[in-house]
């Protein structure tokens, strides 16, 4: 397929439960193309394409266990598949993004297809990610003692399993940076505390104008996060 895309992509990734949906929501407010997205701001069609890749390679589609290995299979037609999907979704000429925690786990494939992409790596304190995983019903891989025994090194409890999982993602972040990908790290929890400086800087880095109603539109999501933090602290 001929490359009809005017802009290189913006990829948003990080561990699940890190707050990447907040960042994707802000870019959506600013007019970045997403196509039809889920409640977690993930493109339904591109996520389905990723599901197919994970199924074909016997990886866990929920990106919990098993995770992709260090050396993954890189389809040579991945770029054309993604571009075809985007055009069918109605993409024209505006900046476009795809948010998915699995991007970090398969970064070599996406970098091969889109070497000029900009990557936003969303970070959160490990203790907060673990607490969130323990409170989220579909984050359940490390409840299973057999799964925990398969880890290297093996772990003795669910909390240790999630810490292992976080560290595996962090290894990917380091690899991405060392490989020279155009990355920027961001901590959404700062927005919960009313600090939008990183958002200003990120939008400037992306060449996207700040939308006047970002704070107003983000407030319901941030208020919900503040409530969760207060509940945990109590």
Protein backbone atom coordinates (compact mmCIF):
# COMPACT_ATOMS: atom_id res chain seq x y z
CA UNK A 1 0.00 0.00 0.00
CA UNK A 2 1.21 3.49 -0.86
CA UNK A 3 2.04 5.61 2.21
CA UNK A 4 -0.87 8.06 2.38
CA UNK A 5 -0.14 9.22 5.93
CA UNK A 6 1.10 12.78 6.25
CA UNK A 7 2.18 12.46 9.89
CA UNK A 8 4.35 9.97 11.75
CA UNK A 9 2.51 8.39 14.68
CA UNK A 10 2.42 9.23 18.35
CA UNK A 11 2.65 6.07 20.41
CA UNK A 12 1.53 6.10 24.05
CA UNK A 13 2.63 3.20 26.20
CA UNK A 14 3.58 2.12 29.71
CA UNK A 15 2.47 -0.56 32.12
CA UNK A 16 -1.26 -1.02 32.49
CA UNK A 17 -2.73 0.99 35.40
CA UNK A 18 -0.13 3.72 34.86
CA UNK A 19 -2.48 6.51 33.73
CA UNK A 20 -1.84 6.36 29.99
CA UNK A 21 -5.56 6.81 29.29
CA UNK A 22 -5.30 10.32 30.76
CA UNK A 23 -2.55 11.24 28.32
CA UNK A 24 -4.46 9.75 25.38
CA UNK A 25 -7.57 11.68 26.43
CA UNK A 26 -5.65 14.97 26.37
CA UNK A 27 -4.32 14.32 22.87
CA UNK A 28 -7.83 13.40 21.77
CA UNK A 29 -9.10 16.73 23.15
CA UNK A 30 -6.38 18.47 21.12
CA UNK A 31 -7.68 16.92 17.90
CA UNK A 32 -5.22 14.06 17.41
CA UNK A 33 -6.78 11.29 15.31
CA UNK A 34 -7.66 8.11 17.20
CA UNK A 35 -10.45 6.45 15.26
CA UNK A 36 -13.08 4.68 17.34
CA UNK A 37 -11.65 4.03 20.80
CA UNK A 38 -12.58 2.01 23.87
CA UNK A 39 -13.28 3.53 27.29
CA UNK A 40 -9.53 3.21 27.89
CA UNK A 41 -8.81 5.33 24.79
CA UNK A 42 -7.37 2.44 22.77
CA UNK A 43 -8.19 2.17 19.08
CA UNK A 44 -10.59 -0.75 18.75
CA UNK A 45 -9.35 -1.73 15.29
CA UNK A 46 -5.63 -1.38 15.98
CA UNK A 47 -6.06 -3.23 19.28
CA UNK A 48 -7.76 -6.03 17.36
CA UNK A 49 -4.77 -6.13 15.00
CA UNK A 50 -2.48 -6.42 18.02
CA UNK A 51 -4.68 -9.17 19.45
CA UNK A 52 -4.15 -11.14 16.26
CA UNK A 53 -0.38 -10.69 16.50
CA UNK A 54 -0.35 -11.80 20.15
CA UNK A 55 -2.55 -14.81 19.38
CA UNK A 56 -0.35 -15.86 16.46
CA UNK A 57 2.75 -15.74 18.68
CA UNK A 58 1.08 -17.32 21.74
CA UNK A 59 1.46 -14.21 23.92
CA UNK A 60 -1.13 -13.17 26.47
CA UNK A 61 -3.44 -10.60 24.84
CA UNK A 62 -3.92 -8.98 28.26
CA UNK A 63 -0.13 -8.52 28.43
CA UNK A 64 0.13 -10.18 31.82
CA UNK A 65 1.57 -13.68 31.31
CA UNK A 66 3.29 -14.84 29.24
CA UNK A 67 4.95 -11.69 27.97
CA UNK A 68 6.72 -11.43 24.60
CA UNK A 69 10.39 -12.50 24.69
CA UNK A 70 13.37 -10.27 23.99
CA UNK A 71 13.49 -11.22 20.29
CA UNK A 72 10.08 -11.00 18.68
CA UNK A 73 8.88 -11.81 15.18
CA UNK A 74 8.68 -8.61 13.09
CA UNK A 75 6.22 -8.80 10.18
CA UNK A 76 7.59 -6.94 7.17
CA UNK A 77 4.07 -5.85 6.19
CA UNK A 78 3.12 -4.39 9.58
CA UNK A 79 3.35 -0.78 8.36
CA UNK A 80 1.03 -1.38 5.42
CA UNK A 81 -1.46 -3.24 7.63
CA UNK A 82 -1.60 -0.38 10.12
CA UNK A 83 -1.89 2.27 7.42
CA UNK A 84 -4.67 0.37 5.68
CA UNK A 85 -6.59 0.20 8.95
CA UNK A 86 -6.12 3.92 9.59
CA UNK A 87 -7.37 4.91 6.14
CA UNK A 88 -10.44 2.69 6.58
CA UNK A 89 -11.08 4.38 9.94
CA UNK A 90 -11.28 7.73 8.17
CA UNK A 91 -7.81 9.15 8.72
CA UNK A 92 -7.10 12.29 6.71
CA UNK A 93 -4.06 14.48 7.40
CA UNK A 94 -4.04 15.29 11.11
CA UNK A 95 -1.56 13.89 13.66
CA UNK A 96 -2.55 10.38 14.78
CA UNK A 97 -1.89 8.28 17.85
CA UNK A 98 -2.23 4.79 19.18
CA UNK A 99 -2.25 4.07 22.91
CA UNK A 100 -1.54 0.51 24.10
CA UNK A 101 0.58 -0.89 26.93
CA UNK A 102 1.65 -3.68 24.55
CA UNK A 103 3.50 -1.19 22.35
CA UNK A 104 6.41 -1.25 24.81
CA UNK A 105 6.47 -5.05 24.75
CA UNK A 106 6.66 -5.10 20.94
CA UNK A 107 8.52 -1.84 20.38
CA UNK A 108 10.97 -3.35 17.85
CA UNK A 109 8.10 -4.18 15.49
CA UNK A 110 6.57 -0.72 15.71
CA UNK A 111 9.93 1.01 15.40
CA UNK A 112 10.70 -1.04 12.29
CA UNK A 113 7.39 0.06 10.75
CA UNK A 114 7.47 3.67 11.96
CA UNK A 115 11.05 4.76 12.71
CA UNK A 116 10.06 8.44 12.93
CA UNK A 117 7.38 7.91 15.57
CA UNK A 118 7.33 9.85 18.82
CA UNK A 119 6.89 7.71 21.92
CA UNK A 120 5.28 8.80 25.18
CA UNK A 121 6.24 6.45 28.00
CA UNK A 122 3.81 6.85 30.89
CA UNK A 123 5.20 6.23 34.35
CA UNK A 124 3.72 5.73 37.80
CA UNK A 125 5.13 4.68 41.18
CA UNK A 126 5.45 0.89 41.35
CA UNK A 127 3.62 0.71 44.67
CA UNK A 128 0.63 2.55 43.18
CA UNK A 129 0.57 0.32 40.09
CA UNK A 130 0.61 -2.79 42.27
CA UNK A 131 -2.24 -1.49 44.45
CA UNK A 132 -4.26 -0.71 41.34
CA UNK A 133 -3.61 -4.17 39.86
CA UNK A 134 -4.74 -5.84 43.08
CA UNK A 135 -7.97 -3.84 42.98
CA UNK A 136 -8.72 -4.50 39.28
CA UNK A 137 -10.58 -7.74 38.56
CA UNK A 138 -9.06 -8.46 35.13
CA UNK A 139 -5.51 -8.00 36.44
CA UNK A 140 -5.32 -11.51 37.86
CA UNK A 141 -2.41 -13.40 36.28
CA UNK A 142 -0.25 -13.56 39.41
CA UNK A 143 -2.96 -14.86 41.69
CA UNK A 144 -2.01 -18.27 40.27
CA UNK A 145 0.82 -19.92 42.21
CA UNK A 146 1.76 -21.95 39.10
CA UNK A 147 2.25 -18.75 37.10
CA UNK A 148 4.36 -17.24 39.86
CA UNK A 149 6.56 -20.35 39.84
CA UNK A 150 7.21 -19.89 36.10
CA UNK A 151 8.76 -16.46 36.59
CA UNK A 152 12.52 -16.02 36.61
CA UNK A 153 13.25 -15.62 39.42
CA UNK A 154 10.08 -17.15 40.86
CA UNK A 155 8.08 -15.13 43.37
CA UNK A 156 6.11 -16.09 46.47
CA UNK A 157 3.05 -13.81 46.36
CA UNK A 158 0.84 -11.83 44.00
CA UNK A 159 2.39 -8.48 44.94
CA UNK A 160 5.85 -9.78 44.02
CA UNK A 161 4.43 -11.07 40.75
CA UNK A 162 3.20 -7.63 39.80
CA UNK A 163 6.54 -6.08 40.80
CA UNK A 164 8.30 -8.58 38.52
CA UNK A 165 5.89 -7.62 35.73
CA UNK A 166 6.60 -3.90 36.25
CA UNK A 167 10.34 -4.53 36.10
CA UNK A 168 9.92 -6.42 32.80
CA UNK A 169 8.22 -3.35 31.34
CA UNK A 170 10.93 -1.08 32.73
CA UNK A 171 13.54 -3.17 30.94
CA UNK A 172 11.69 -2.44 27.70
CA UNK A 173 11.66 1.28 28.45
CA UNK A 174 15.43 1.22 28.89
CA UNK A 175 15.88 -0.71 25.64
CA UNK A 176 13.73 1.81 23.77
CA UNK A 177 15.80 4.72 25.03
CA UNK A 178 19.11 2.98 24.40
CA UNK A 179 17.98 2.10 20.86
CA UNK A 180 17.52 5.79 20.15
CA UNK A 181 13.74 5.95 19.90
CA UNK A 182 12.33 9.47 20.19
CA UNK A 183 10.87 9.06 23.68
CA UNK A 184 9.48 11.31 26.37
CA UNK A 185 8.52 10.09 29.86
CA UNK A 186 5.55 11.58 31.64
CA UNK A 187 4.01 11.11 35.10
CA UNK A 188 0.19 11.68 34.98
CA UNK A 189 -0.06 11.69 38.79
CA UNK A 190 1.31 15.23 38.67
CA UNK A 191 -1.90 16.30 36.96
CA UNK A 192 -3.89 14.81 39.83
CA UNK A 193 -1.97 17.23 42.03
CA UNK A 194 -2.78 20.14 39.68
CA UNK A 195 0.60 20.29 37.89
CA UNK A 196 0.19 20.42 34.09
CA UNK A 197 3.75 21.47 33.26
CA UNK A 198 4.67 18.11 31.74
CA UNK A 199 1.56 18.25 29.57
CA UNK A 200 2.50 21.70 28.24
CA UNK A 201 6.02 20.46 27.48
CA UNK A 202 4.79 17.26 25.85
CA UNK A 203 2.34 19.05 23.56
CA UNK A 204 5.06 21.49 22.55
CA UNK A 205 7.40 18.55 21.81
CA UNK A 206 4.67 16.98 19.67
CA UNK A 207 3.97 20.24 17.85
CA UNK A 208 0.37 20.25 19.07
CA UNK A 209 -1.40 23.33 20.38
CA UNK A 210 -2.80 23.41 23.91
CA UNK A 211 -6.62 23.21 23.88
CA UNK A 212 -8.27 25.76 26.14
CA UNK A 213 -10.71 23.26 27.67
CA UNK A 214 -8.20 20.52 28.55
CA UNK A 215 -8.36 21.16 32.29
CA UNK A 216 -12.17 21.40 32.27
CA UNK A 217 -12.58 18.15 30.34
CA UNK A 218 -9.96 16.31 32.39
CA UNK A 219 -11.36 17.30 35.78
CA UNK A 220 -13.92 14.42 36.09
CA UNK A 221 -11.19 11.83 35.41
CA UNK A 222 -8.74 13.55 37.76
CA UNK A 223 -11.35 13.90 40.52
CA UNK A 224 -11.98 10.16 40.30
CA UNK A 225 -8.24 9.51 40.63
CA UNK A 226 -8.00 11.86 43.62
CA UNK A 227 -10.78 9.92 45.30
CA UNK A 228 -8.94 6.64 44.79
CA UNK A 229 -5.73 8.08 46.23
CA UNK A 230 -7.55 9.35 49.31
CA UNK A 231 -9.24 5.99 49.80
CA UNK A 232 -5.90 4.17 49.66
CA UNK A 233 -4.29 6.63 52.08
CA UNK A 234 -7.05 6.16 54.62
